[in-house]
Amino acid sequence: MAVRAAVLPAVGAPLEITGIELPGPGPGQVRVRLAAAGVCHSDLSLSDGTMSVPVPAVLGHEGAGTVVAVGPDVTHVSPGTPVVLNWAPACGTCHACSLGEVWLCARALDGAASVYAHAADGTPLHPGLNVAAFAEETVVPAACALPLPPGVPLADAALLGCAVLTGYGAVHHSARVRAGESVAVFGAGGVGLAALQSARIAGASRIVAVDVSPGKEDLARAAGATDFLLASATTPREIRALTGGQGVDVAVECVGRAVSIRAAWESTRRGGRTTVVGIGGKDQQVTFNALELFHWGRTLSGCVYGNSDPARDLPLLAEHVRAGRLDLSALVTERIGLEDIPGAFENMKAGKGGRALVVF
């Protein structure tokens, strides 16, 4: 069956909106009609080679939709089930999974190397980050389709598949923000806005948003920021001034650049926690001297997928949505069509917007 999709023909090449031939689901597979897909910075990182991906590929890893068909041996969903796509399904048997750290599963991305569809000329296509959500329909392993709890709008639920799990997890699982603590979030894109809302949910007393774009102040404050700062060389000093000269208890970096990681570190109080969520390139070298590591006693940690277990955390996030504590629509800055994805990529390169949502 032919469906339209956004295909990355080669690393560094523009996306092509074209028809592809998508097969029916085989054993252990699910076919999903997409309701929406978020345009995440990770997709841009895949397209420009910051992260490797087999090509040609259909990108898009943050999506939600409705099951239209299931293959043999699939029992947890059936046609008509609304689902959120999980781009990093845990194998359950590797060392990380045995430790309960499913977000570090060694085999989570094995499916990205498979052939899941074909171009009109017969060229094999790979599913970018397993799920290939930049398409009207997709076929995924059953573990990639998580039933959507009731009470969450299906289109907005796409954001639960990456931005919200990552931002929420960075605050609650990695940094473990406690009520009354102060938090700084560097980068007010989709993940950063989710982190701001999550800091508010955690009961943070002061929430400082930092971004290079003044146009993001209203978005950041609506998400829960009590203060907004334009990123500059003096940002750490400004944050210390807002916190009695101490620095914040927790800094969450959602950009993935050496300068912002270093600024987040310097904005954290002595003994505080700095969590790096942003995905940077190998050229982004961050340096520390031995004395400052000893003296400041800070904890610096990476954070993959928010240190989240999607199967565990999705029902909890849905409860926050139903209770009005988590506003998914506030994370969406633009609702676009499939053909608008290349333009959304250009906006991300320019540092514009929070999260574009492709609505099918």
Protein backbone atom coordinates (compact mmCIF):
# COMPACT_ATOMS: atom_id res chain seq x y z
CA MET A 1 0.00 0.00 0.00
CA ALA A 2 1.36 3.43 -0.95
CA VAL A 3 1.54 6.20 1.67
CA ARG A 4 3.22 9.60 1.70
CA ALA A 5 6.35 10.04 3.81
CA ALA A 6 9.31 12.36 4.42
CA VAL A 7 12.36 10.46 3.16
CA LEU A 8 15.99 11.29 3.98
CA PRO A 9 17.78 10.06 0.81
CA ALA A 10 21.29 10.61 2.19
CA VAL A 11 22.96 12.21 5.20
CA GLY A 12 23.03 15.97 4.69
CA ALA A 13 20.47 15.88 1.86
CA PRO A 14 17.10 17.68 2.01
CA LEU A 15 14.07 15.63 2.99
CA GLU A 16 11.87 14.49 0.10
CA ILE A 17 8.10 14.24 0.47
CA THR A 18 7.18 11.24 -1.66
CA GLY A 19 5.15 8.07 -1.85
CA ILE A 20 6.51 4.83 -0.40
CA GLU A 21 5.31 1.25 -0.48
CA LEU A 22 4.47 0.06 3.03
CA PRO A 23 3.79 -3.66 3.60
CA GLY A 24 1.27 -5.13 5.96
CA PRO A 25 2.40 -6.10 9.47
CA GLY A 26 4.31 -9.35 9.85
CA PRO A 27 4.66 -11.48 12.98
CA GLY A 28 5.11 -9.29 16.05
CA GLN A 29 4.40 -6.10 14.11
CA VAL A 30 1.75 -3.37 14.21
CA ARG A 31 0.57 -1.02 11.48
CA VAL A 32 -0.37 2.45 12.72
CA ARG A 33 -2.15 5.35 11.01
CA LEU A 34 -0.44 8.47 12.36
CA ALA A 35 -2.52 11.24 13.90
CA ALA A 36 0.51 13.47 14.55
CA ALA A 37 4.28 13.49 14.77
CA GLY A 38 6.51 15.97 16.58
CA VAL A 39 9.47 17.51 14.76
CA CYS A 40 12.29 16.94 17.25
CA HIS A 41 15.84 18.29 17.13
CA SER A 42 17.05 14.68 17.21
CA ASP A 43 15.57 14.26 13.72
CA LEU A 44 17.72 17.16 12.58
CA SER A 45 20.73 15.54 14.25
CA LEU A 46 20.03 12.37 12.28
CA SER A 47 19.68 14.21 9.00
CA ASP A 48 22.92 16.17 9.35
CA GLY A 49 25.01 13.24 10.58
CA THR A 50 25.43 14.30 14.21
CA MET A 51 23.91 10.90 15.02
CA SER A 52 24.30 8.04 12.58
CA VAL A 53 21.32 6.51 10.81
CA PRO A 54 21.13 3.98 7.95
CA VAL A 55 19.91 5.73 4.80
CA PRO A 56 17.74 6.19 2.89
CA ALA A 57 15.35 6.44 5.82
CA VAL A 58 12.01 7.80 6.89
CA LEU A 59 12.65 9.96 9.95
CA GLY A 60 10.31 10.93 12.78
CA HIS A 61 10.42 9.25 16.18
CA GLU A 62 7.80 11.16 18.19
CA GLY A 63 4.33 10.08 17.13
CA ALA A 64 0.88 8.85 18.05
CA GLY A 65 -1.89 7.28 16.03
CA THR A 66 -4.39 4.47 15.72
CA VAL A 67 -3.66 0.81 15.09
CA VAL A 68 -5.12 -0.32 11.75
CA ALA A 69 -3.74 -3.87 11.61
CA VAL A 70 -1.68 -6.29 13.69
CA GLY A 71 0.45 -9.27 12.74
CA PRO A 72 0.47 -12.71 14.33
CA ASP A 73 1.42 -12.94 18.02
CA VAL A 74 0.36 -9.36 18.83
CA THR A 75 -2.11 -9.32 21.72
CA HIS A 76 -1.64 -6.05 23.67
CA VAL A 77 -3.22 -3.86 20.95
CA SER A 78 -5.79 -4.43 18.22
CA PRO A 79 -7.24 -2.43 15.31
CA GLY A 80 -8.73 0.78 16.69
CA THR A 81 -6.36 1.05 19.68
CA PRO A 82 -4.85 4.55 20.08
CA VAL A 83 -1.11 4.30 20.69
CA VAL A 84 1.99 6.34 21.42
CA LEU A 85 5.10 5.28 19.51
CA ASN A 86 8.10 4.28 21.61
CA TRP A 87 11.28 4.77 19.58
CA ALA A 88 13.52 2.97 22.09
CA PRO A 89 11.89 -0.37 23.00
CA ALA A 90 13.90 -2.22 25.64
CA CYS A 91 14.99 -5.79 24.93
CA GLY A 92 14.66 -6.80 28.59
CA THR A 93 17.72 -9.05 28.53
CA CYS A 94 20.86 -6.91 28.08
CA HIS A 95 23.00 -5.75 31.00
CA ALA A 96 21.33 -2.33 31.25
CA CYS A 97 17.87 -3.87 31.21
CA SER A 98 18.90 -6.35 33.91
CA LEU A 99 19.78 -3.34 36.07
CA GLY A 100 16.41 -1.72 35.41
CA GLU A 101 18.03 0.99 33.27
CA VAL A 102 15.88 0.35 30.21
CA TRP A 103 16.66 3.77 28.74
CA LEU A 104 20.22 2.50 28.16
CA CYS A 105 19.17 -0.75 26.47
CA ALA A 106 21.99 -1.96 24.22
CA ARG A 107 19.56 -3.27 21.60
CA ALA A 108 16.93 -0.53 21.63
CA LEU A 109 17.90 0.82 18.22
CA ASP A 110 18.59 -2.47 16.44
CA GLY A 111 15.38 -2.06 14.44
CA ALA A 112 16.63 1.13 12.78
CA ALA A 113 18.94 -0.96 10.58
CA SER A 114 16.08 -3.08 9.22
CA VAL A 115 14.26 -2.55 5.93
CA TYR A 116 10.64 -1.71 6.66
CA ALA A 117 9.38 -0.25 3.38
CA HIS A 118 10.45 0.58 -0.19
CA ALA A 119 10.55 3.69 -2.31
CA ALA A 120 8.45 3.77 -5.49
CA ASP A 121 11.49 2.61 -7.49
CA GLY A 122 12.08 -0.33 -5.16
CA THR A 123 14.89 1.22 -3.08
CA PRO A 124 14.89 -0.26 0.46
CA LEU A 125 14.00 2.21 3.22
CA HIS A 126 15.00 2.13 6.89
CA PRO A 127 12.84 3.35 9.80
CA GLY A 128 14.66 6.28 11.41
CA LEU A 129 14.90 5.55 15.15
CA ASN A 130 12.67 2.49 14.69
CA VAL A 131 9.28 4.09 14.10
CA ALA A 132 9.38 6.28 10.92
CA ALA A 133 6.68 8.64 12.15
CA PHE A 134 7.06 11.18 9.32
CA ALA A 135 4.55 9.22 7.24
CA GLU A 136 0.80 8.84 6.97
CA GLU A 137 1.16 5.25 8.22
CA THR A 138 3.99 3.13 9.57
CA VAL A 139 4.73 -0.48 10.52
CA VAL A 140 6.57 -0.95 13.82
CA PRO A 141 7.57 -3.76 16.19
CA ALA A 142 4.79 -4.39 18.69
CA ALA A 143 7.01 -3.15 21.54
CA CYS A 144 7.09 0.26 19.85
CA ALA A 145 3.31 0.70 20.16
CA LEU A 146 2.19 1.65 23.67
CA PRO A 147 -1.56 1.93 24.36
CA LEU A 148 -2.52 5.55 25.03
CA PRO A 149 -4.26 5.97 28.41
CA PRO A 150 -7.72 7.57 28.16
CA GLY A 151 -8.29 11.30 28.45
CA VAL A 152 -5.32 12.49 26.35
CA PRO A 153 -5.94 14.08 22.91
CA LEU A 154 -4.46 11.74 20.32
CA ALA A 155 -2.60 14.36 18.28
CA ASP A 156 -1.03 16.06 21.30
CA ALA A 157 -0.14 12.63 22.71
CA ALA A 158 2.62 12.42 20.07
CA LEU A 159 4.70 14.67 22.34
CA LEU A 160 4.60 12.02 25.06
CA GLY A 161 6.78 9.83 22.84
CA CYS A 162 9.92 11.93 23.27
CA ALA A 163 9.80 15.58 24.38
CA VAL A 164 7.67 15.06 27.47
CA LEU A 165 9.23 11.76 28.55
CA THR A 166 12.66 13.36 28.16
CA GLY A 167 11.90 16.68 29.86
CA TYR A 168 9.85 15.14 32.65
CA GLY A 169 12.39 12.40 33.24
CA ALA A 170 15.32 14.82 33.29
CA VAL A 171 13.66 16.69 36.15
CA HIS A 172 12.10 13.80 38.10
CA HIS A 173 14.36 10.81 37.37
CA SER A 174 17.80 12.23 36.59
CA ALA A 175 18.03 15.48 38.59
CA ARG A 176 15.40 14.37 41.13
CA VAL A 177 14.17 17.89 41.77
CA ARG A 178 12.61 18.30 45.21
CA ALA A 179 9.91 20.74 46.31
CA GLY A 180 11.38 24.14 47.17
CA GLU A 181 14.54 23.73 45.08
CA SER A 182 15.58 26.18 42.37
CA VAL A 183 15.97 25.07 38.75
CA ALA A 184 17.46 26.56 35.58
CA VAL A 185 16.56 25.15 32.18
CA PHE A 186 18.85 25.98 29.27
CA GLY A 187 16.97 25.88 25.97
CA ALA A 188 13.23 26.50 25.62
CA GLY A 189 12.50 24.13 22.75
CA GLY A 190 10.10 21.22 23.07
CA VAL A 191 12.15 19.32 25.66
CA GLY A 192 13.04 22.49 27.55
CA LEU A 193 9.40 23.57 27.78
CA ALA A 194 8.49 20.10 29.06
CA ALA A 195 11.27 20.38 31.64
CA LEU A 196 9.93 23.76 32.78
CA GLN A 197 6.44 22.32 33.27
CA SER A 198 7.94 19.35 35.08
CA ALA A 199 9.93 21.59 37.43
CA ARG A 200 6.69 23.36 38.29
CA ILE A 201 4.99 19.98 38.90
CA ALA A 202 7.90 19.03 41.18
CA GLY A 203 7.27 22.14 43.29
CA ALA A 204 10.41 24.08 42.38
CA SER A 205 10.49 27.49 44.05
CA ARG A 206 12.34 29.43 41.35
CA ILE A 207 12.45 28.29 37.72
CA VAL A 208 14.80 30.16 35.40
CA ALA A 209 14.50 29.67 31.65
CA VAL A 210 17.49 30.53 29.44
CA ASP A 211 17.38 30.82 25.66
CA VAL A 212 19.07 32.71 22.83
CA SER A 213 15.72 33.88 21.45
CA PRO A 214 13.74 36.64 23.21
CA GLY A 215 10.65 35.37 21.40
CA LYS A 216 10.57 32.32 23.65
CA GLU A 217 9.98 34.24 26.87
CA ASP A 218 6.18 34.02 26.72
CA LEU A 219 6.35 30.27 25.97
CA ALA A 220 8.75 29.72 28.85
CA ARG A 221 6.70 31.70 31.36
CA ALA A 222 3.50 29.93 30.29
CA ALA A 223 5.28 26.62 30.95
CA GLY A 224 6.20 27.64 34.48
CA ALA A 225 9.32 29.82 34.35
CA THR A 226 9.45 32.49 37.04
CA ASP A 227 12.37 34.20 35.31
CA PHE A 228 13.67 34.41 31.75
CA LEU A 229 17.22 35.23 30.70
CA LEU A 230 18.74 35.72 27.28
CA ALA A 231 21.75 33.44 26.96
CA SER A 232 25.04 35.34 27.16
CA ALA A 233 28.51 35.12 28.64
CA THR A 234 27.09 36.55 31.88
CA THR A 235 24.24 34.06 32.30
CA PRO A 236 25.81 32.15 35.23
CA ARG A 237 26.44 35.43 37.05
CA GLU A 238 22.82 36.53 36.45
CA ILE A 239 21.51 33.22 37.76
CA ARG A 240 23.63 33.48 40.89
CA ALA A 241 22.25 37.00 41.41
CA LEU A 242 18.71 35.59 41.28
CA THR A 243 19.56 32.92 43.86
CA GLY A 244 21.25 34.88 46.62
CA GLY A 245 24.70 34.43 45.09
CA GLN A 246 24.55 30.63 45.35
CA GLY A 247 23.38 29.34 41.99
CA VAL A 248 20.48 27.00 41.33
CA ASP A 249 20.10 23.61 42.97
CA VAL A 250 19.58 22.01 39.56
CA ALA A 251 20.48 23.05 36.02
CA VAL A 252 19.03 21.14 33.05
CA GLU A 253 20.81 21.64 29.72
CA CYS A 254 18.60 20.93 26.69
CA VAL A 255 20.77 22.34 23.88
CA GLY A 256 23.80 20.09 23.47
CA ARG A 257 26.43 22.77 22.94
CA ALA A 258 29.67 23.08 24.86
CA VAL A 259 29.02 26.72 25.79
CA SER A 260 25.57 25.99 27.24
CA ILE A 261 26.75 22.88 29.10
CA ARG A 262 29.53 24.92 30.66
CA ALA A 263 27.10 27.74 31.52
CA ALA A 264 24.69 25.28 33.14
CA TRP A 265 27.55 23.87 35.21
CA GLU A 266 28.66 27.32 36.34
CA SER A 267 25.07 28.27 37.20
CA THR A 268 24.71 25.34 39.61
CA ARG A 269 25.35 25.91 43.29
CA ARG A 270 28.11 24.18 45.17
CA GLY A 271 26.92 20.61 45.72
CA GLY A 272 24.13 20.97 43.15
CA ARG A 273 23.23 18.84 40.14
CA THR A 274 23.75 19.57 36.44
CA THR A 275 21.90 17.31 34.00
CA VAL A 276 22.76 17.29 30.30
CA VAL A 277 19.88 16.34 28.03
CA GLY A 278 20.93 18.03 24.78
CA ILE A 279 22.58 15.92 22.08
CA GLY A 280 25.78 17.57 20.89
CA GLY A 281 28.32 16.66 18.26
CA LYS A 282 31.75 15.19 18.88
CA ASP A 283 33.25 18.59 18.12
CA GLN A 284 31.55 20.07 21.21
CA GLN A 285 34.36 19.65 23.75
CA VAL A 286 33.65 20.69 27.35
CA THR A 287 36.61 21.20 29.69
CA PHE A 288 36.94 21.29 33.47
CA ASN A 289 39.98 21.66 35.67
CA ALA A 290 40.66 19.23 38.49
CA LEU A 291 40.45 21.86 41.21
CA GLU A 292 36.98 23.09 40.29
CA LEU A 293 35.64 19.53 40.17
CA PHE A 294 36.86 19.04 43.73
CA HIS A 295 35.93 22.46 45.06
CA TRP A 296 32.40 22.80 43.73
CA GLY A 297 31.30 19.26 44.57
CA ARG A 298 28.69 19.37 41.84
CA THR A 299 27.25 16.33 40.11
CA LEU A 300 27.35 16.38 36.30
CA SER A 301 25.33 13.67 34.58
CA GLY A 302 24.11 12.75 31.15
CA CYS A 303 20.47 11.91 30.65
CA VAL A 304 19.22 9.56 27.91
CA TYR A 305 15.49 9.69 27.09
CA GLY A 306 14.90 11.28 30.48
CA ASN A 307 16.09 8.10 32.24
CA SER A 308 12.50 7.03 31.61
CA ASP A 309 10.72 3.73 31.25
CA PRO A 310 7.94 4.61 28.77
CA ALA A 311 5.70 1.72 29.82
CA ARG A 312 5.94 2.86 33.46
CA ASP A 313 5.86 6.61 32.93
CA LEU A 314 3.21 6.99 30.22
CA PRO A 315 0.25 6.34 32.57
CA LEU A 316 1.72 8.78 35.10
CA LEU A 317 2.13 11.50 32.47
CA ALA A 318 -1.42 10.89 31.27
CA GLU A 319 -2.66 11.44 34.82
CA HIS A 320 -0.83 14.78 34.94
CA VAL A 321 -2.50 15.72 31.63
CA ARG A 322 -5.97 14.77 32.85
CA ALA A 323 -5.44 16.71 36.09
CA GLY A 324 -4.37 19.83 34.17
CA ARG A 325 -0.86 19.85 35.62
CA LEU A 326 0.77 19.06 32.26
CA ASP A 327 -0.40 21.06 29.23
CA LEU A 328 0.70 19.31 26.04
CA SER A 329 -0.79 21.97 23.76
CA ALA A 330 1.46 24.59 25.39
CA LEU A 331 4.47 22.73 24.00
CA VAL A 332 3.23 23.04 20.42
CA THR A 333 4.26 26.27 18.71
CA GLU A 334 3.10 25.31 15.21
CA ARG A 335 0.80 22.71 13.65
CA ILE A 336 1.93 21.84 10.14
CA GLY A 337 1.41 19.36 7.32
CA LEU A 338 3.77 16.65 6.13
CA GLU A 339 5.03 18.84 3.30
CA ASP A 340 6.07 21.53 5.80
CA ILE A 341 8.64 19.36 7.62
CA PRO A 342 11.65 20.62 5.58
CA GLY A 343 10.72 24.19 6.57
CA ALA A 344 10.45 23.14 10.22
CA PHE A 345 13.98 21.74 9.97
CA GLU A 346 15.19 25.14 8.75
CA ASN A 347 13.48 26.84 11.69
CA MET A 348 15.26 24.49 14.10
CA LYS A 349 18.60 25.30 12.49
CA ALA A 350 17.83 28.97 13.08
CA GLY A 351 16.85 28.34 16.72
CA LYS A 352 13.20 29.28 16.18
CA GLY A 353 10.09 27.83 17.77
CA GLY A 354 9.44 25.26 20.47
CA ARG A 355 7.91 22.18 18.84
CA ALA A 356 6.26 21.86 15.42
CA LEU A 357 3.60 19.16 15.31
CA VAL A 358 2.83 17.43 12.02
CA VAL A 359 -0.89 16.73 11.94
CA PHE A 360 -2.14 14.10 9.47
